[in-house]
Amino acid sequence: MTLFEKIIARQIPADIVFEDDQCLAFRDIAPQAPVHILIVPKKPLERVGAASQADCALLGHLLFSAAEIARLEKLADGYRIVINNGSNGGET
């Protein structure tokens, strides 16, 4: 089980800010920005580069969820969305 799967399964505690049937969002334990929230799909997806056409709706939902979380966090002045894909893309 990955770290994110353990957080989704509540085996590891997290400061959860949003959850629905497709994703879970929580504050990063080592933030790199004043607001640093990770949004992970509940369906296992190794990385964006491994996504298939069947994952398009899920990927769109993650972006939609980011906008909803920004609204809930009162980030109307703007925010940044980052996707790390693979070790050369900063994924750990």
C-alpha atoms as a PDB file:
ATOM      1  CA  MET A   1       0.000   0.000   0.000  1.00  0.00           C
ATOM      2  CA  THR A   2       1.303   3.472  -0.866  1.00  0.00           C
ATOM      3  CA  LEU A   3       1.461   6.342   1.604  1.00  0.00           C
ATOM      4  CA  PHE A   4      -1.510   8.007  -0.082  1.00  0.00           C
ATOM      5  CA  GLU A   5      -3.543   4.781  -0.016  1.00  0.00           C
ATOM      6  CA  LYS A   6      -2.839   4.515   3.727  1.00  0.00           C
ATOM      7  CA  ILE A   7      -4.036   8.105   4.241  1.00  0.00           C
ATOM      8  CA  ILE A   8      -7.205   7.405   2.225  1.00  0.00           C
ATOM      9  CA  ALA A   9      -7.778   4.253   4.334  1.00  0.00           C
ATOM     10  CA  ARG A  10      -7.249   6.344   7.509  1.00  0.00           C
ATOM     11  CA  GLN A  11      -4.294   4.187   8.534  1.00  0.00           C
ATOM     12  CA  ILE A  12      -2.155   7.336   8.644  1.00  0.00           C
ATOM     13  CA  PRO A  13      -3.598  10.567  10.092  1.00  0.00           C
ATOM     14  CA  ALA A  14      -3.931  13.650   7.911  1.00  0.00           C
ATOM     15  CA  ASP A  15      -5.410  17.144   8.136  1.00  0.00           C
ATOM     16  CA  ILE A  16      -8.191  16.515   5.624  1.00  0.00           C
ATOM     17  CA  VAL A  17      -9.722  19.608   4.025  1.00  0.00           C
ATOM     18  CA  PHE A  18     -11.953  17.986   1.383  1.00  0.00           C
ATOM     19  CA  GLU A  19     -13.281  14.568   0.468  1.00  0.00           C
ATOM     20  CA  ASP A  20     -15.778  13.154  -1.960  1.00  0.00           C
ATOM     21  CA  ASP A  21     -16.303   9.783  -3.608  1.00  0.00           C
ATOM     22  CA  GLN A  22     -13.396  10.288  -6.042  1.00  0.00           C
ATOM     23  CA  CYS A  23     -10.676  12.143  -4.150  1.00  0.00           C
ATOM     24  CA  LEU A  24      -9.220  13.181  -0.820  1.00  0.00           C
ATOM     25  CA  ALA A  25      -7.402  16.459  -0.123  1.00  0.00           C
ATOM     26  CA  PHE A  26      -5.196  17.150   2.878  1.00  0.00           C
ATOM     27  CA  ARG A  27      -2.549  19.597   4.055  1.00  0.00           C
ATOM     28  CA  ASP A  28       1.049  18.649   3.289  1.00  0.00           C
ATOM     29  CA  ILE A  29       3.075  17.818   6.411  1.00  0.00           C
ATOM     30  CA  ALA A  30       6.106  19.655   4.951  1.00  0.00           C
ATOM     31  CA  PRO A  31       4.524  22.577   3.091  1.00  0.00           C
ATOM     32  CA  GLN A  32       6.490  24.304   0.346  1.00  0.00           C
ATOM     33  CA  ALA A  33       4.034  27.227   0.198  1.00  0.00           C
ATOM     34  CA  PRO A  34       1.825  29.111   2.685  1.00  0.00           C
ATOM     35  CA  VAL A  35      -1.093  26.922   1.560  1.00  0.00           C
ATOM     36  CA  HIS A  36       0.018  23.473   0.390  1.00  0.00           C
ATOM     37  CA  ILE A  37      -2.763  20.955  -0.110  1.00  0.00           C
ATOM     38  CA  LEU A  38      -2.391  17.582  -1.795  1.00  0.00           C
ATOM     39  CA  ILE A  39      -5.333  16.223  -3.785  1.00  0.00           C
ATOM     40  CA  VAL A  40      -5.149  12.497  -4.481  1.00  0.00           C
ATOM     41  CA  PRO A  41      -7.555  10.262  -6.363  1.00  0.00           C
ATOM     42  CA  LYS A  42      -9.109   7.382  -4.462  1.00  0.00           C
ATOM     43  CA  LYS A  43      -8.698   5.220  -7.560  1.00  0.00           C
ATOM     44  CA  PRO A  44      -5.062   4.123  -7.715  1.00  0.00           C
ATOM     45  CA  LEU A  45      -3.254   6.056 -10.456  1.00  0.00           C
ATOM     46  CA  GLU A  46       0.525   5.700 -10.401  1.00  0.00           C
ATOM     47  CA  ARG A  47       1.059   9.074 -12.064  1.00  0.00           C
ATOM     48  CA  VAL A  48      -0.483  11.332 -14.685  1.00  0.00           C
ATOM     49  CA  GLY A  49       1.877   9.942 -17.313  1.00  0.00           C
ATOM     50  CA  ALA A  50       0.372   6.492 -16.733  1.00  0.00           C
ATOM     51  CA  ALA A  51      -3.221   7.689 -17.147  1.00  0.00           C
ATOM     52  CA  SER A  52      -5.377   6.327 -19.930  1.00  0.00           C
ATOM     53  CA  GLN A  53      -8.287   7.802 -21.859  1.00  0.00           C
ATOM     54  CA  ALA A  54     -10.542   6.133 -19.267  1.00  0.00           C
ATOM     55  CA  ASP A  55      -9.011   8.390 -16.581  1.00  0.00           C
ATOM     56  CA  CYS A  56      -9.957  11.688 -18.276  1.00  0.00           C
ATOM     57  CA  ALA A  57     -13.096  12.216 -16.186  1.00  0.00           C
ATOM     58  CA  LEU A  58     -11.153  11.562 -12.970  1.00  0.00           C
ATOM     59  CA  LEU A  59      -8.368  13.970 -13.946  1.00  0.00           C
ATOM     60  CA  GLY A  60     -10.945  16.645 -14.748  1.00  0.00           C
ATOM     61  CA  HIS A  61     -12.629  15.998 -11.417  1.00  0.00           C
ATOM     62  CA  LEU A  62      -9.333  16.552  -9.598  1.00  0.00           C
ATOM     63  CA  LEU A  63      -8.995  19.993 -11.223  1.00  0.00           C
ATOM     64  CA  PHE A  64     -12.622  20.816 -10.439  1.00  0.00           C
ATOM     65  CA  SER A  65     -11.993  19.751  -6.822  1.00  0.00           C
ATOM     66  CA  ALA A  66      -8.926  22.018  -6.672  1.00  0.00           C
ATOM     67  CA  ALA A  67     -11.136  24.975  -7.591  1.00  0.00           C
ATOM     68  CA  GLU A  68     -13.693  23.998  -4.926  1.00  0.00           C
ATOM     69  CA  ILE A  69     -10.953  23.640  -2.295  1.00  0.00           C
ATOM     70  CA  ALA A  70      -9.566  27.061  -3.269  1.00  0.00           C
ATOM     71  CA  ARG A  71     -13.035  28.523  -2.717  1.00  0.00           C
ATOM     72  CA  LEU A  72     -13.340  26.801   0.681  1.00  0.00           C
ATOM     73  CA  GLU A  73      -9.846  28.005   1.660  1.00  0.00           C
ATOM     74  CA  LYS A  74     -10.728  31.569   0.557  1.00  0.00           C
ATOM     75  CA  LEU A  75      -8.014  31.719  -2.086  1.00  0.00           C
ATOM     76  CA  ALA A  76      -9.965  33.977  -4.459  1.00  0.00           C
ATOM     77  CA  ASP A  77      -6.862  36.104  -5.123  1.00  0.00           C
ATOM     78  CA  GLY A  78      -5.238  33.158  -6.872  1.00  0.00           C
ATOM     79  CA  TYR A  79      -3.504  29.879  -6.351  1.00  0.00           C
ATOM     80  CA  ARG A  80      -1.098  27.552  -8.105  1.00  0.00           C
ATOM     81  CA  ILE A  81      -1.764  23.977  -9.191  1.00  0.00           C
ATOM     82  CA  VAL A  82       1.287  21.730  -9.555  1.00  0.00           C
ATOM     83  CA  ILE A  83       1.396  18.182 -10.888  1.00  0.00           C
ATOM     84  CA  ASN A  84       4.548  16.193 -10.176  1.00  0.00           C
ATOM     85  CA  ASN A  85       4.945  13.321 -12.647  1.00  0.00           C
ATOM     86  CA  GLY A  86       7.769  10.863 -12.034  1.00  0.00           C
ATOM     87  CA  SER A  87      11.049  11.308 -10.178  1.00  0.00           C
ATOM     88  CA  ASN A  88      12.424  13.831 -12.696  1.00  0.00           C
ATOM     89  CA  GLY A  89       9.227  15.836 -12.214  1.00  0.00           C
ATOM     90  CA  GLY A  90       9.675  16.123  -8.453  1.00  0.00           C
ATOM     91  CA  GLU A  91       7.451  13.192  -7.509  1.00  0.00           C
ATOM     92  CA  THR A  92       8.645  11.435  -4.372  1.00  0.00           C
END
